[in-house]
C-alpha cells in the first residue's frame, strides 16, 4: 500500500522518528493536501459539514486525497463529513466511476 511505502521511506531516512512523529507527519501531509484541494474547489470545511455526504465535489476531493497522499478512508470520512469510511470507499470505487458516466 502507498502508506506503507511512505512509512518505510520515513523510517529509512529518519530512523530516530517515533511512530507518533511519523503519524503526525502523515496527518500534516493529508491536511496540507486537503487545504489545497478545498481551495482549488472554492470550498471550505464549513461547506463540507453542510453539504450532502456523497456530493460530487467531496468525492473529487476524496479521490485526490487517496491518490496524491494516500489519506485513509477513515480520515477522509471524518474530515469531509462523508459518513462511514466504507461509504467513502464506495464513492471512490471503479464501479461507481463507471455508473457516473
N, C-alpha and C. Protein backbone atom coordinates (compact mmCIF):
# COMPACT_ATOMS: atom_id res chain seq x y z
N UNK A 1 0.84 -1.19 0.00
CA UNK A 1 0.00 0.00 0.00
C UNK A 1 0.87 1.24 0.00
N UNK A 2 0.39 2.36 -0.56
CA UNK A 2 1.19 3.58 -0.63
C UNK A 2 1.61 4.09 0.74
N UNK A 3 0.72 3.97 1.75
CA UNK A 3 1.05 4.43 3.10
C UNK A 3 2.23 3.68 3.68
N UNK A 4 2.29 2.38 3.41
CA UNK A 4 3.39 1.56 3.91
C UNK A 4 4.71 2.04 3.31
N UNK A 5 4.72 2.31 2.02
CA UNK A 5 5.94 2.75 1.35
C UNK A 5 6.42 4.07 1.95
N UNK A 6 5.50 4.98 2.22
CA UNK A 6 5.86 6.27 2.81
C UNK A 6 6.47 6.07 4.18
N UNK A 7 5.84 5.19 4.99
CA UNK A 7 6.35 4.92 6.32
C UNK A 7 7.74 4.30 6.24
N UNK A 8 7.92 3.36 5.33
CA UNK A 8 9.21 2.70 5.18
C UNK A 8 10.29 3.70 4.80
N UNK A 9 9.97 4.59 3.90
CA UNK A 9 10.94 5.60 3.47
C UNK A 9 11.25 6.55 4.63
N UNK A 10 10.22 6.95 5.38
CA UNK A 10 10.44 7.83 6.53
C UNK A 10 11.37 7.19 7.53
N UNK A 11 11.16 5.91 7.81
CA UNK A 11 11.99 5.21 8.78
C UNK A 11 13.41 5.06 8.23
N UNK A 12 13.51 4.81 6.94
CA UNK A 12 14.80 4.63 6.31
C UNK A 12 15.65 5.90 6.42
N UNK A 13 15.03 7.05 6.16
CA UNK A 13 15.78 8.30 6.16
C UNK A 13 15.83 8.97 7.53
N UNK A 14 14.93 8.60 8.41
CA UNK A 14 14.90 9.23 9.73
C UNK A 14 14.56 8.18 10.78
N UNK A 15 15.46 7.24 11.01
CA UNK A 15 15.16 6.15 11.95
C UNK A 15 14.93 6.64 13.38
N UNK A 16 15.33 7.87 13.65
CA UNK A 16 15.13 8.40 15.01
C UNK A 16 13.69 8.83 15.27
N UNK A 17 12.87 8.90 14.23
CA UNK A 17 11.47 9.30 14.41
C UNK A 17 10.67 8.19 15.06
N UNK A 18 9.83 8.58 16.00
CA UNK A 18 8.94 7.61 16.64
C UNK A 18 7.72 7.39 15.75
N UNK A 19 6.97 6.36 16.05
CA UNK A 19 5.73 6.09 15.29
C UNK A 19 4.77 7.27 15.40
N UNK A 20 4.73 7.90 16.56
CA UNK A 20 3.87 9.07 16.76
C UNK A 20 4.30 10.22 15.86
N UNK A 21 5.60 10.45 15.79
CA UNK A 21 6.11 11.53 14.94
C UNK A 21 5.81 11.25 13.46
N UNK A 22 5.97 10.01 13.06
CA UNK A 22 5.67 9.64 11.67
C UNK A 22 4.19 9.86 11.40
N UNK A 23 3.33 9.46 12.33
CA UNK A 23 1.89 9.65 12.18
C UNK A 23 1.54 11.14 12.06
N UNK A 24 2.21 11.97 12.85
CA UNK A 24 1.97 13.42 12.80
C UNK A 24 2.38 13.99 11.44
N UNK A 25 3.50 13.51 10.91
CA UNK A 25 3.96 13.97 9.60
C UNK A 25 2.94 13.58 8.53
N UNK A 26 2.47 12.35 8.58
CA UNK A 26 1.46 11.89 7.61
C UNK A 26 0.20 12.74 7.71
N UNK A 27 -0.28 12.95 8.93
CA UNK A 27 -1.50 13.73 9.12
C UNK A 27 -1.32 15.15 8.58
N UNK A 28 -0.17 15.73 8.80
CA UNK A 28 0.11 17.08 8.29
C UNK A 28 0.07 17.09 6.76
N UNK A 29 0.61 16.03 6.13
CA UNK A 29 0.56 15.92 4.66
C UNK A 29 -0.88 15.83 4.18
N UNK A 30 -1.69 15.02 4.87
CA UNK A 30 -3.10 14.88 4.47
C UNK A 30 -3.81 16.22 4.59
N UNK A 31 -3.56 16.92 5.71
CA UNK A 31 -4.21 18.20 5.95
C UNK A 31 -3.79 19.23 4.90
N UNK A 32 -2.51 19.25 4.56
CA UNK A 32 -1.99 20.17 3.54
C UNK A 32 -2.67 19.89 2.19
N UNK A 33 -2.78 18.62 1.84
CA UNK A 33 -3.42 18.25 0.57
C UNK A 33 -4.90 18.60 0.60
N UNK A 34 -5.54 18.41 1.75
CA UNK A 34 -6.96 18.78 1.88
C UNK A 34 -7.14 20.28 1.70
N UNK A 35 -6.32 21.06 2.38
CA UNK A 35 -6.42 22.53 2.27
C UNK A 35 -6.27 22.98 0.82
N UNK A 36 -5.30 22.40 0.12
CA UNK A 36 -5.07 22.76 -1.29
C UNK A 36 -6.27 22.36 -2.15
N UNK A 37 -6.80 21.16 -1.92
CA UNK A 37 -7.94 20.68 -2.72
C UNK A 37 -9.19 21.50 -2.45
N UNK A 38 -9.42 21.86 -1.20
CA UNK A 38 -10.57 22.71 -0.87
C UNK A 38 -10.43 24.07 -1.54
N UNK A 39 -9.25 24.65 -1.47
CA UNK A 39 -9.00 25.96 -2.09
C UNK A 39 -9.24 25.88 -3.60
N UNK A 40 -8.70 24.83 -4.22
CA UNK A 40 -8.86 24.62 -5.66
C UNK A 40 -10.34 24.50 -6.04
N UNK A 41 -11.13 23.87 -5.17
CA UNK A 41 -12.56 23.68 -5.44
C UNK A 41 -13.40 24.89 -5.01
N UNK A 42 -12.77 25.86 -4.35
CA UNK A 42 -13.51 27.02 -3.86
C UNK A 42 -14.44 26.67 -2.72
N UNK A 43 -14.03 25.69 -1.91
CA UNK A 43 -14.87 25.20 -0.80
C UNK A 43 -14.11 25.32 0.52
N UNK A 44 -14.84 25.10 1.62
CA UNK A 44 -14.26 25.14 2.96
C UNK A 44 -14.75 23.94 3.75
N UNK A 45 -14.17 23.74 4.93
CA UNK A 45 -14.65 22.66 5.79
C UNK A 45 -16.08 22.92 6.24
N UNK A 46 -16.45 24.20 6.38
CA UNK A 46 -17.84 24.53 6.73
C UNK A 46 -18.78 24.07 5.61
N UNK A 47 -18.36 24.23 4.35
CA UNK A 47 -19.15 23.73 3.22
C UNK A 47 -19.29 22.21 3.31
N UNK A 48 -18.21 21.54 3.68
CA UNK A 48 -18.22 20.08 3.79
C UNK A 48 -19.20 19.61 4.86
N UNK A 49 -19.26 20.35 5.96
CA UNK A 49 -20.18 19.98 7.04
C UNK A 49 -21.63 20.09 6.62
N UNK A 50 -21.95 21.06 5.78
CA UNK A 50 -23.35 21.29 5.41
C UNK A 50 -23.77 20.59 4.11
N UNK A 51 -22.82 20.14 3.31
CA UNK A 51 -23.14 19.50 2.03
C UNK A 51 -23.48 18.02 2.22
N UNK A 52 -24.26 17.46 1.30
CA UNK A 52 -24.56 16.02 1.37
C UNK A 52 -23.29 15.17 1.35
N UNK A 53 -23.36 14.00 1.98
CA UNK A 53 -22.19 13.13 2.15
C UNK A 53 -21.49 12.78 0.84
N UNK A 54 -22.25 12.46 -0.21
CA UNK A 54 -21.64 11.98 -1.45
C UNK A 54 -21.67 12.98 -2.59
N UNK A 55 -21.78 14.27 -2.27
CA UNK A 55 -21.84 15.29 -3.32
C UNK A 55 -20.55 15.24 -4.16
N UNK A 56 -20.68 15.55 -5.42
CA UNK A 56 -19.58 15.40 -6.38
C UNK A 56 -18.26 16.04 -5.98
N UNK A 57 -18.28 17.25 -5.49
CA UNK A 57 -17.02 17.92 -5.16
C UNK A 57 -16.31 17.25 -3.99
N UNK A 58 -17.08 16.71 -3.04
CA UNK A 58 -16.46 15.98 -1.92
C UNK A 58 -15.79 14.70 -2.43
N UNK A 59 -16.49 14.00 -3.32
CA UNK A 59 -15.94 12.77 -3.89
C UNK A 59 -14.66 13.08 -4.66
N UNK A 60 -14.66 14.17 -5.41
CA UNK A 60 -13.46 14.56 -6.18
C UNK A 60 -12.29 14.86 -5.24
N UNK A 61 -12.57 15.55 -4.15
CA UNK A 61 -11.51 15.86 -3.18
C UNK A 61 -11.03 14.57 -2.51
N UNK A 62 -11.96 13.71 -2.15
CA UNK A 62 -11.59 12.43 -1.52
C UNK A 62 -10.68 11.63 -2.45
N UNK A 63 -11.01 11.62 -3.74
CA UNK A 63 -10.20 10.89 -4.72
C UNK A 63 -8.78 11.47 -4.77
N UNK A 64 -8.68 12.81 -4.77
CA UNK A 64 -7.35 13.44 -4.78
C UNK A 64 -6.56 13.07 -3.53
N UNK A 65 -7.22 13.07 -2.38
CA UNK A 65 -6.54 12.73 -1.13
C UNK A 65 -6.03 11.30 -1.14
N UNK A 66 -6.81 10.40 -1.72
CA UNK A 66 -6.38 8.99 -1.78
C UNK A 66 -5.23 8.82 -2.76
N UNK A 67 -5.31 9.46 -3.93
CA UNK A 67 -4.28 9.23 -4.95
C UNK A 67 -3.01 10.03 -4.70
N UNK A 68 -3.13 11.23 -4.18
CA UNK A 68 -1.94 12.09 -4.01
C UNK A 68 -1.17 11.82 -2.72
N UNK A 69 -1.90 11.58 -1.62
CA UNK A 69 -1.21 11.43 -0.33
C UNK A 69 -1.64 10.18 0.44
N UNK A 70 -2.40 9.30 -0.19
CA UNK A 70 -2.83 8.04 0.43
C UNK A 70 -3.52 8.25 1.78
N UNK A 71 -4.34 9.30 1.87
CA UNK A 71 -5.08 9.53 3.11
C UNK A 71 -6.04 8.36 3.35
N UNK A 72 -6.15 7.91 4.59
CA UNK A 72 -7.04 6.78 4.89
C UNK A 72 -8.52 7.15 4.73
N UNK A 73 -9.32 6.16 4.37
CA UNK A 73 -10.76 6.38 4.21
C UNK A 73 -11.36 6.96 5.49
N UNK A 74 -10.94 6.44 6.64
CA UNK A 74 -11.50 6.91 7.92
C UNK A 74 -11.24 8.40 8.12
N UNK A 75 -10.02 8.85 7.82
CA UNK A 75 -9.67 10.26 7.99
C UNK A 75 -10.49 11.13 7.02
N UNK A 76 -10.59 10.68 5.78
CA UNK A 76 -11.37 11.42 4.78
C UNK A 76 -12.83 11.50 5.21
N UNK A 77 -13.40 10.37 5.63
CA UNK A 77 -14.81 10.33 6.03
C UNK A 77 -15.09 11.31 7.16
N UNK A 78 -14.22 11.31 8.15
CA UNK A 78 -14.40 12.19 9.31
C UNK A 78 -14.19 13.65 8.93
N UNK A 79 -13.11 13.93 8.24
CA UNK A 79 -12.74 15.31 7.94
C UNK A 79 -13.71 15.99 6.98
N UNK A 80 -14.17 15.26 5.97
CA UNK A 80 -15.09 15.84 4.98
C UNK A 80 -16.57 15.57 5.30
N UNK A 81 -16.83 14.99 6.46
CA UNK A 81 -18.19 14.67 6.89
C UNK A 81 -18.91 13.85 5.80
N UNK A 82 -18.33 12.69 5.50
CA UNK A 82 -18.86 11.84 4.42
C UNK A 82 -19.47 10.54 4.93
N UNK A 83 -19.69 10.44 6.23
CA UNK A 83 -20.29 9.23 6.77
C UNK A 83 -19.25 8.18 7.11
N UNK A 84 -19.63 6.94 6.95
CA UNK A 84 -18.77 5.81 7.31
C UNK A 84 -17.63 5.66 6.29
N UNK A 85 -16.45 5.24 6.75
CA UNK A 85 -15.33 5.03 5.81
C UNK A 85 -15.68 4.10 4.65
N UNK A 86 -16.51 3.10 4.89
CA UNK A 86 -16.90 2.19 3.81
C UNK A 86 -17.70 2.93 2.74
N UNK A 87 -18.45 3.95 3.14
CA UNK A 87 -19.20 4.75 2.16
C UNK A 87 -18.23 5.52 1.26
N UNK A 88 -17.17 6.05 1.84
CA UNK A 88 -16.16 6.77 1.05
C UNK A 88 -15.52 5.80 0.06
N UNK A 89 -15.17 4.62 0.54
CA UNK A 89 -14.59 3.60 -0.33
C UNK A 89 -15.54 3.31 -1.50
N UNK A 90 -16.83 3.24 -1.21
CA UNK A 90 -17.83 3.01 -2.26
C UNK A 90 -17.91 4.15 -3.26
N UNK A 91 -17.86 5.39 -2.76
CA UNK A 91 -17.90 6.55 -3.66
C UNK A 91 -16.72 6.54 -4.62
N UNK A 92 -15.59 6.00 -4.17
CA UNK A 92 -14.37 6.03 -4.97
C UNK A 92 -14.12 4.76 -5.77
N UNK A 93 -15.01 3.79 -5.66
CA UNK A 93 -14.80 2.52 -6.35
C UNK A 93 -14.94 2.68 -7.86
N UNK A 94 -14.22 1.86 -8.63
CA UNK A 94 -14.32 1.92 -10.10
C UNK A 94 -15.75 1.70 -10.60
N UNK A 95 -16.50 0.87 -9.90
CA UNK A 95 -17.89 0.61 -10.28
C UNK A 95 -18.69 1.92 -10.24
N UNK A 96 -18.48 2.71 -9.19
CA UNK A 96 -19.17 3.99 -9.05
C UNK A 96 -18.76 4.95 -10.16
N UNK A 97 -17.47 4.94 -10.53
CA UNK A 97 -16.99 5.79 -11.62
C UNK A 97 -17.69 5.46 -12.93
N UNK A 98 -17.83 4.17 -13.23
CA UNK A 98 -18.46 3.74 -14.47
C UNK A 98 -19.92 4.16 -14.52
N UNK A 99 -20.63 4.01 -13.38
CA UNK A 99 -22.05 4.34 -13.39
C UNK A 99 -22.30 5.84 -13.49
N UNK A 100 -21.28 6.64 -13.14
CA UNK A 100 -21.42 8.09 -13.22
C UNK A 100 -21.31 8.60 -14.66
N UNK A 101 -20.72 7.82 -15.55
CA UNK A 101 -20.53 8.24 -16.95
C UNK A 101 -21.80 8.15 -17.76
